[in-house]
N, C-alpha and C. Protein backbone atom coordinates (compact mmCIF):
# COMPACT_ATOMS: atom_id res chain seq x y z
N MET A 1 -110.84 -33.34 -45.86
CA MET A 1 -109.72 -32.22 -45.74
C MET A 1 -109.20 -32.26 -44.27
N LYS A 2 -108.07 -32.20 -43.65
CA LYS A 2 -107.46 -31.81 -42.61
C LYS A 2 -107.73 -30.34 -42.10
N PRO A 3 -108.24 -29.97 -41.15
CA PRO A 3 -108.04 -27.97 -40.80
C PRO A 3 -106.60 -27.42 -40.68
N GLN A 4 -105.98 -26.66 -40.64
CA GLN A 4 -104.75 -25.86 -40.49
C GLN A 4 -105.08 -26.01 -39.25
N SER A 5 -104.05 -25.88 -38.33
CA SER A 5 -103.91 -26.05 -36.48
C SER A 5 -102.85 -25.33 -36.69
N MET A 6 -102.88 -24.80 -35.59
CA MET A 6 -101.12 -23.70 -34.65
C MET A 6 -101.30 -24.36 -33.53
N LYS A 7 -100.19 -24.04 -32.73
CA LYS A 7 -100.37 -24.16 -31.55
C LYS A 7 -100.36 -23.41 -30.93
N ALA A 8 -100.85 -23.01 -29.24
CA ALA A 8 -101.32 -22.29 -28.61
C ALA A 8 -100.44 -21.01 -28.86
N GLU A 9 -99.66 -21.23 -28.35
CA GLU A 9 -98.52 -19.71 -28.71
C GLU A 9 -98.51 -19.05 -30.17
N THR A 10 -99.08 -19.63 -30.89
CA THR A 10 -98.57 -18.86 -32.31
C THR A 10 -100.40 -18.50 -31.98
N ALA A 11 -101.70 -18.65 -31.49
CA ALA A 11 -102.65 -18.28 -31.61
C ALA A 11 -102.70 -17.25 -30.44
N ALA A 12 -101.75 -17.25 -29.47
CA ALA A 12 -101.93 -16.43 -28.37
C ALA A 12 -101.18 -15.16 -28.93
N LYS A 13 -100.25 -15.18 -29.81
CA LYS A 13 -99.73 -13.97 -30.31
C LYS A 13 -100.62 -13.44 -31.13
N LYS A 14 -101.17 -14.02 -32.04
CA LYS A 14 -102.58 -13.55 -33.18
C LYS A 14 -103.48 -12.67 -32.20
N LEU A 15 -103.99 -13.36 -31.47
CA LEU A 15 -104.70 -12.76 -30.12
C LEU A 15 -104.52 -11.56 -29.27
N GLY A 16 -103.22 -11.43 -29.21
CA GLY A 16 -102.42 -10.70 -28.76
C GLY A 16 -102.31 -10.52 -26.96
N ILE A 17 -102.22 -12.19 -26.64
CA ILE A 17 -102.45 -12.35 -25.36
C ILE A 17 -101.30 -12.88 -24.80
N LEU A 18 -100.97 -12.91 -23.53
CA LEU A 18 -99.98 -13.35 -23.17
C LEU A 18 -100.68 -15.20 -22.63
N LEU A 19 -99.46 -15.88 -23.15
CA LEU A 19 -99.95 -17.13 -23.12
C LEU A 19 -99.73 -17.82 -22.10
N ASP A 20 -99.03 -17.30 -20.97
CA ASP A 20 -99.08 -17.91 -19.65
C ASP A 20 -100.29 -17.66 -18.92
N ALA A 21 -101.03 -16.71 -19.27
CA ALA A 21 -102.07 -15.90 -18.56
C ALA A 21 -103.49 -16.38 -19.11
N ALA A 22 -103.40 -17.43 -19.93
CA ALA A 22 -104.57 -17.84 -20.63
C ALA A 22 -104.77 -19.25 -19.76
N PRO A 23 -105.85 -19.67 -19.68
CA PRO A 23 -106.86 -20.96 -18.97
C PRO A 23 -106.21 -21.98 -19.80
N GLU A 24 -105.62 -22.77 -18.81
CA GLU A 24 -104.82 -24.32 -19.19
C GLU A 24 -105.44 -24.85 -20.40
N GLU A 25 -106.81 -24.91 -20.76
CA GLU A 25 -107.63 -25.58 -21.60
C GLU A 25 -107.08 -24.69 -23.18
N PHE A 26 -106.90 -23.49 -22.96
CA PHE A 26 -106.13 -23.20 -24.32
C PHE A 26 -104.70 -23.12 -24.39
N ARG A 27 -103.76 -23.28 -23.56
CA ARG A 27 -102.56 -23.59 -23.49
C ARG A 27 -102.47 -25.07 -24.30
N ALA A 28 -103.17 -25.64 -23.64
CA ALA A 28 -102.78 -27.46 -23.83
C ALA A 28 -103.51 -27.69 -25.25
N ALA A 29 -104.12 -26.71 -25.73
CA ALA A 29 -104.68 -27.13 -27.06
C ALA A 29 -103.89 -27.06 -28.59
N VAL A 30 -104.57 -27.37 -29.61
CA VAL A 30 -103.95 -26.98 -30.87
C VAL A 30 -105.49 -26.48 -31.53
N ILE A 31 -105.01 -25.13 -31.86
CA ILE A 31 -105.98 -24.37 -32.45
C ILE A 31 -106.48 -24.48 -33.54
N THR A 32 -107.14 -24.66 -34.49
CA THR A 32 -107.48 -24.34 -35.43
C THR A 32 -107.93 -23.35 -36.18
N ARG A 33 -107.35 -22.91 -37.38
CA ARG A 33 -108.12 -21.53 -38.15
C ARG A 33 -109.63 -21.12 -37.99
N ASP A 34 -110.20 -22.00 -37.68
CA ASP A 34 -111.64 -21.62 -37.51
C ASP A 34 -111.75 -21.34 -35.85
N GLU A 35 -111.34 -22.30 -35.01
CA GLU A 35 -111.29 -21.74 -34.04
C GLU A 35 -110.61 -20.49 -33.56
N LEU A 36 -109.72 -20.27 -33.78
CA LEU A 36 -109.21 -18.83 -33.83
C LEU A 36 -109.96 -17.89 -34.28
N ALA A 37 -110.49 -17.67 -35.22
CA ALA A 37 -111.77 -17.06 -35.99
C ALA A 37 -112.70 -16.57 -35.32
N ALA A 38 -112.87 -18.06 -34.54
CA ALA A 38 -114.53 -17.58 -33.82
C ALA A 38 -113.74 -16.45 -32.29
N LEU A 39 -112.97 -17.06 -32.29
CA LEU A 39 -112.09 -16.07 -30.96
C LEU A 39 -112.14 -14.94 -31.13
N GLN A 40 -111.49 -14.80 -32.59
CA GLN A 40 -111.13 -13.35 -32.59
C GLN A 40 -112.87 -12.54 -32.50
N ALA A 41 -113.94 -12.96 -33.33
CA ALA A 41 -115.30 -12.60 -33.88
C ALA A 41 -116.06 -12.63 -32.38
N ASP A 42 -115.84 -13.54 -31.37
CA ASP A 42 -116.56 -13.46 -30.39
C ASP A 42 -116.17 -14.09 -29.36
N PRO A 43 -114.93 -12.79 -28.66
CA PRO A 43 -113.99 -13.50 -27.85
C PRO A 43 -114.88 -14.04 -26.21
N PRO A 44 -114.69 -15.30 -25.56
CA PRO A 44 -115.10 -15.51 -24.47
C PRO A 44 -114.76 -14.16 -23.16
N GLU A 45 -115.12 -14.33 -22.34
CA GLU A 45 -114.89 -13.48 -21.36
C GLU A 45 -113.47 -13.41 -20.60
N TRP A 46 -113.20 -14.80 -20.83
CA TRP A 46 -111.02 -15.21 -20.25
C TRP A 46 -110.57 -13.70 -20.84
N LEU A 47 -110.62 -14.32 -22.42
CA LEU A 47 -109.90 -13.36 -23.31
C LEU A 47 -110.31 -12.00 -23.23
N GLU A 48 -111.39 -11.27 -23.29
CA GLU A 48 -111.79 -10.16 -23.23
C GLU A 48 -111.06 -9.52 -21.80
N THR A 49 -111.14 -10.19 -20.64
CA THR A 49 -110.80 -9.64 -19.16
C THR A 49 -108.83 -10.02 -19.88
N LEU A 50 -108.43 -10.62 -20.13
CA LEU A 50 -106.99 -10.39 -20.27
C LEU A 50 -106.97 -9.74 -21.45
N ARG A 51 -106.97 -9.00 -22.88
CA ARG A 51 -107.16 -8.66 -23.21
C ARG A 51 -107.13 -6.66 -22.41
N ARG A 52 -108.13 -6.78 -22.10
CA ARG A 52 -108.70 -5.47 -20.62
C ARG A 52 -107.70 -5.00 -19.92
N GLU A 53 -107.19 -6.30 -19.14
CA GLU A 53 -106.41 -6.00 -17.99
C GLU A 53 -104.85 -6.50 -17.83
N GLY A 54 -104.88 -7.25 -18.70
CA GLY A 54 -103.78 -7.97 -18.81
C GLY A 54 -103.63 -9.03 -17.81
N PRO A 55 -102.10 -9.64 -17.83
CA PRO A 55 -100.93 -9.21 -18.30
C PRO A 55 -100.64 -8.75 -19.47
N HIS A 56 -99.62 -8.23 -19.96
CA HIS A 56 -99.61 -8.11 -21.38
C HIS A 56 -98.42 -8.53 -22.24
N PRO A 57 -98.45 -9.14 -23.41
CA PRO A 57 -97.03 -9.55 -23.93
C PRO A 57 -96.19 -8.21 -24.09
N ARG A 58 -94.88 -8.55 -24.18
CA ARG A 58 -94.42 -7.33 -24.63
C ARG A 58 -94.13 -6.23 -25.75
N ASN A 59 -94.74 -6.80 -26.79
CA ASN A 59 -95.24 -6.04 -28.03
C ASN A 59 -96.45 -5.24 -27.73
N VAL A 60 -97.48 -5.76 -26.90
CA VAL A 60 -98.35 -5.02 -26.55
C VAL A 60 -98.10 -3.76 -25.89
N VAL A 61 -97.12 -4.26 -24.54
CA VAL A 61 -96.67 -3.52 -23.49
C VAL A 61 -96.28 -2.27 -24.47
N ALA A 62 -95.08 -2.58 -25.54
CA ALA A 62 -94.45 -1.73 -25.85
C ALA A 62 -95.26 -0.46 -26.69
N ALA A 63 -96.23 -1.40 -27.58
CA ALA A 63 -97.39 -0.13 -28.34
C ALA A 63 -97.94 0.25 -27.29
N LYS A 64 -98.60 -0.06 -26.26
CA LYS A 64 -99.18 0.74 -25.49
C LYS A 64 -98.68 2.24 -24.89
N LEU A 65 -97.29 1.87 -24.17
CA LEU A 65 -96.45 2.79 -24.20
C LEU A 65 -95.57 3.56 -25.15
N GLY A 66 -95.88 3.25 -26.77
CA GLY A 66 -95.47 4.05 -27.57
C GLY A 66 -94.11 4.11 -27.53
N VAL A 67 -93.63 2.76 -27.17
CA VAL A 67 -92.07 2.55 -27.71
C VAL A 67 -91.66 1.46 -28.22
N SER A 68 -90.30 1.38 -28.27
CA SER A 68 -90.20 -0.13 -29.32
C SER A 68 -89.99 -1.20 -28.21
N ASN A 69 -89.74 -2.96 -28.11
CA ASN A 69 -89.23 -3.84 -27.71
C ASN A 69 -88.33 -3.68 -26.97
N SER A 70 -87.42 -3.16 -27.79
CA SER A 70 -85.68 -2.66 -27.27
C SER A 70 -85.88 -1.63 -26.39
N GLY A 71 -86.89 -0.80 -26.74
CA GLY A 71 -87.15 0.41 -25.87
C GLY A 71 -87.15 -0.27 -23.93
N LEU A 72 -88.29 -1.11 -24.38
CA LEU A 72 -88.58 -1.52 -22.83
C LEU A 72 -87.43 -2.56 -22.08
N ALA A 73 -86.34 -3.37 -23.48
CA ALA A 73 -85.50 -4.01 -22.31
C ALA A 73 -84.66 -2.69 -21.89
N ARG A 74 -83.99 -1.68 -22.78
CA ARG A 74 -83.57 -0.34 -21.97
C ARG A 74 -84.24 0.46 -20.79
N GLY A 75 -85.59 -0.02 -20.83
CA GLY A 75 -85.88 0.66 -19.44
C GLY A 75 -86.02 -0.22 -18.57
N GLY A 76 -85.43 -1.34 -18.25
CA GLY A 76 -85.92 -2.75 -17.49
C GLY A 76 -87.23 -2.97 -17.40
N VAL A 77 -87.93 -3.14 -18.34
CA VAL A 77 -89.19 -3.63 -18.09
C VAL A 77 -88.94 -5.10 -19.06
N THR A 78 -88.90 -6.10 -18.41
CA THR A 78 -88.63 -7.57 -18.90
C THR A 78 -89.59 -8.47 -18.64
N GLU A 79 -90.92 -8.26 -17.72
CA GLU A 79 -91.75 -9.30 -17.57
C GLU A 79 -92.88 -8.42 -18.19
N PRO A 80 -93.56 -9.30 -18.28
CA PRO A 80 -95.16 -9.10 -18.95
C PRO A 80 -95.77 -8.07 -17.42
N ILE A 81 -96.23 -6.82 -17.94
CA ILE A 81 -97.33 -5.30 -17.25
C ILE A 81 -98.47 -5.67 -17.42
N THR A 82 -99.43 -5.69 -16.07
CA THR A 82 -100.78 -5.15 -16.59
C THR A 82 -101.48 -3.76 -16.96
N THR A 83 -102.26 -4.00 -17.41
CA THR A 83 -103.09 -2.57 -17.81
C THR A 83 -102.69 -1.32 -16.77
N ALA A 84 -102.95 -1.91 -15.55
CA ALA A 84 -102.88 -0.71 -14.29
C ALA A 84 -101.41 -0.49 -14.31
N GLU A 85 -100.39 -1.03 -14.62
CA GLU A 85 -99.35 -0.98 -14.70
C GLU A 85 -98.49 0.20 -15.58
N ILE A 86 -98.85 -0.38 -17.06
CA ILE A 86 -98.73 0.81 -17.97
C ILE A 86 -99.52 2.09 -17.71
N LYS A 87 -100.72 2.18 -17.50
CA LYS A 87 -101.63 3.10 -16.99
C LYS A 87 -100.69 4.35 -15.86
N ALA A 88 -100.40 3.48 -14.94
CA ALA A 88 -99.15 4.17 -13.55
C ALA A 88 -97.84 4.80 -14.54
N LEU A 89 -97.49 3.90 -15.53
CA LEU A 89 -96.25 4.41 -16.02
C LEU A 89 -96.80 5.56 -17.04
N LEU A 90 -97.57 5.77 -17.41
CA LEU A 90 -97.98 6.80 -18.44
C LEU A 90 -98.22 8.11 -18.05
N GLU A 91 -98.94 7.96 -16.28
CA GLU A 91 -99.61 9.32 -15.55
C GLU A 91 -98.49 9.69 -14.95
N ALA A 92 -96.89 8.41 -14.81
CA ALA A 92 -95.94 9.47 -13.80
C ALA A 92 -94.57 8.74 -14.82
N PRO A 93 -94.65 9.23 -16.16
CA PRO A 93 -93.32 8.52 -16.47
C PRO A 93 -91.82 9.06 -16.24
N PRO A 94 -91.43 7.46 -16.24
CA PRO A 94 -89.66 7.54 -15.41
C PRO A 94 -88.80 8.55 -16.43
N ALA A 95 -87.77 8.64 -16.56
CA ALA A 95 -86.91 9.49 -17.50
C ALA A 95 -86.88 8.56 -18.64
N TRP A 96 -86.67 7.17 -18.53
CA TRP A 96 -86.41 5.91 -19.44
C TRP A 96 -87.51 5.95 -20.55
N LEU A 97 -89.07 6.40 -20.14
CA LEU A 97 -90.06 6.43 -20.68
C LEU A 97 -90.09 7.45 -21.47
N VAL A 98 -90.03 8.86 -21.22
CA VAL A 98 -89.76 9.91 -21.52
C VAL A 98 -88.28 9.68 -23.04
N GLN A 99 -87.53 9.19 -22.66
CA GLN A 99 -86.51 9.23 -23.66
C GLN A 99 -87.03 8.23 -24.70
N GLU A 100 -87.02 6.96 -24.46
CA GLU A 100 -87.48 5.90 -25.35
C GLU A 100 -88.80 6.63 -26.08
N ARG A 101 -89.70 7.38 -25.74
CA ARG A 101 -90.78 7.81 -26.38
C ARG A 101 -90.64 8.65 -27.45
N ALA A 102 -89.86 9.98 -27.54
CA ALA A 102 -89.11 10.61 -28.17
C ALA A 102 -88.08 9.86 -28.94
N THR A 103 -87.47 8.84 -28.82
CA THR A 103 -86.50 8.25 -29.81
C THR A 103 -87.56 7.89 -30.97
N GLN A 104 -88.54 7.12 -30.03
CA GLN A 104 -89.86 6.37 -31.01
C GLN A 104 -90.36 7.34 -31.87
N ALA A 105 -90.87 8.58 -31.40
CA ALA A 105 -91.21 9.91 -32.71
C ALA A 105 -89.80 10.15 -33.73
N ALA A 106 -89.07 10.19 -33.29
CA ALA A 106 -88.35 10.45 -33.74
C ALA A 106 -87.90 9.54 -35.27
N VAL A 107 -87.79 8.38 -34.83
CA VAL A 107 -87.78 7.27 -35.87
C VAL A 107 -89.18 7.69 -36.88
N ARG A 108 -90.44 7.33 -36.11
CA ARG A 108 -91.58 7.49 -36.67
C ARG A 108 -91.06 8.89 -38.04
N ALA A 109 -90.75 9.95 -37.65
CA ALA A 109 -90.71 11.24 -38.17
C ALA A 109 -89.75 10.83 -39.17
N GLU A 110 -88.94 10.15 -39.45
CA GLU A 110 -87.07 10.08 -40.27
C GLU A 110 -88.19 8.82 -41.00
N LYS A 111 -88.76 8.03 -40.94
CA LYS A 111 -89.77 7.15 -42.07
C LYS A 111 -90.53 7.83 -42.75
N ILE A 112 -91.00 8.90 -42.03
CA ILE A 112 -92.11 9.59 -42.72
C ILE A 112 -91.24 10.48 -43.68
N ARG A 113 -90.24 11.12 -43.29
CA ARG A 113 -89.47 11.83 -44.25
C ARG A 113 -88.98 11.09 -45.07
N VAL A 114 -88.50 10.04 -44.79
CA VAL A 114 -88.02 9.40 -46.06
C VAL A 114 -88.95 8.92 -46.88
N ALA A 115 -90.11 8.15 -46.61
CA ALA A 115 -91.47 7.77 -47.59
C ALA A 115 -91.33 9.19 -48.39
N ASP A 116 -91.75 10.24 -47.62
CA ASP A 116 -91.94 11.52 -48.30
C ASP A 116 -90.35 11.39 -49.53
N ARG A 117 -89.80 11.50 -49.49
CA ARG A 117 -88.09 11.86 -49.94
C ARG A 117 -88.85 10.98 -51.55
N ASP A 118 -88.61 9.37 -50.76
CA ASP A 118 -88.75 8.33 -52.20
C ASP A 118 -90.39 8.52 -52.90
N LYS A 119 -90.88 9.55 -52.22
CA LYS A 119 -92.64 9.06 -53.46
C LYS A 119 -92.26 10.82 -54.28
N GLU A 120 -91.40 11.56 -53.72
CA GLU A 120 -91.14 12.82 -54.64
C GLU A 120 -90.08 12.57 -55.53
N ARG A 121 -89.18 11.61 -55.38
CA ARG A 121 -88.09 11.25 -56.22
C ARG A 121 -89.00 10.49 -57.38
N ALA A 122 -89.97 9.52 -57.18
CA ALA A 122 -90.50 8.58 -58.22
C ALA A 122 -91.42 9.36 -58.75
N ALA A 123 -91.92 10.72 -58.29
CA ALA A 123 -92.81 11.65 -59.28
C ALA A 123 -92.32 12.15 -60.01
N ARG A 124 -90.76 12.88 -60.07
CA ARG A 124 -89.88 13.05 -60.62
C ARG A 124 -89.70 12.19 -61.72
N ARG A 125 -89.23 11.03 -61.57
CA ARG A 125 -88.78 9.99 -62.12
C ARG A 125 -90.31 9.60 -63.81
N ALA A 126 -91.15 9.68 -63.04
CA ALA A 126 -92.07 9.66 -63.95
C ALA A 126 -92.78 10.75 -64.48
N ALA A 127 -92.71 11.86 -64.17
CA ALA A 127 -92.53 12.94 -64.93
C ALA A 127 -91.39 13.53 -66.32
N GLY A 128 -90.36 12.17 -65.76
CA GLY A 128 -89.05 12.45 -67.04
C GLY A 128 -88.25 13.16 -66.32
N GLY A 129 -88.36 13.96 -65.58
CA GLY A 129 -87.60 14.72 -64.80
C GLY A 129 -85.98 13.97 -65.02
N GLY A 130 -85.82 12.96 -63.88
CA GLY A 130 -84.70 12.33 -64.37
C GLY A 130 -84.26 12.73 -62.96
N GLY A 131 -83.00 13.36 -63.37
CA GLY A 131 -81.66 14.06 -62.59
C GLY A 131 -81.01 13.50 -61.63
N GLY A 132 -81.70 12.68 -61.27
CA GLY A 132 -80.67 11.86 -59.84
C GLY A 132 -79.20 11.08 -60.67
N SER A 133 -78.71 10.81 -59.90
CA SER A 133 -76.93 10.12 -60.61
C SER A 133 -77.46 8.67 -60.44
N GLY A 134 -78.51 8.59 -60.02
CA GLY A 134 -78.45 7.16 -59.94
C GLY A 134 -77.83 5.99 -59.01
N VAL A 135 -77.63 6.95 -57.38
CA VAL A 135 -77.00 6.26 -56.45
C VAL A 135 -77.50 5.32 -55.92
């Protein structure tokens, strides 16, 4: 039975690294699930360095800055950036970052509010309260 494999691009996404910053032997490889698991369990030095210092892919940059991928684009961050650049942005946040972090916080708060409302409605239905118009 042939082991399942993936392109290096897919493996890089699963590892949270920027493919272009990985060594050539990784970029040119077809990675099996077992090889990916081994990289995750015991990362080589190059992988640890990439995760620690970057450059990082957009989704990692967005998470570290506490904004959405769209927020990065609105802020003009279109290229991968390093951990040092992320720290600099967090230490002296530009106006766009302050705004995007506030937007992200509002989105999270709204998601929590809706989830709480839905739990409350489900609890009332389970208790036989009904009471809703079924909209």
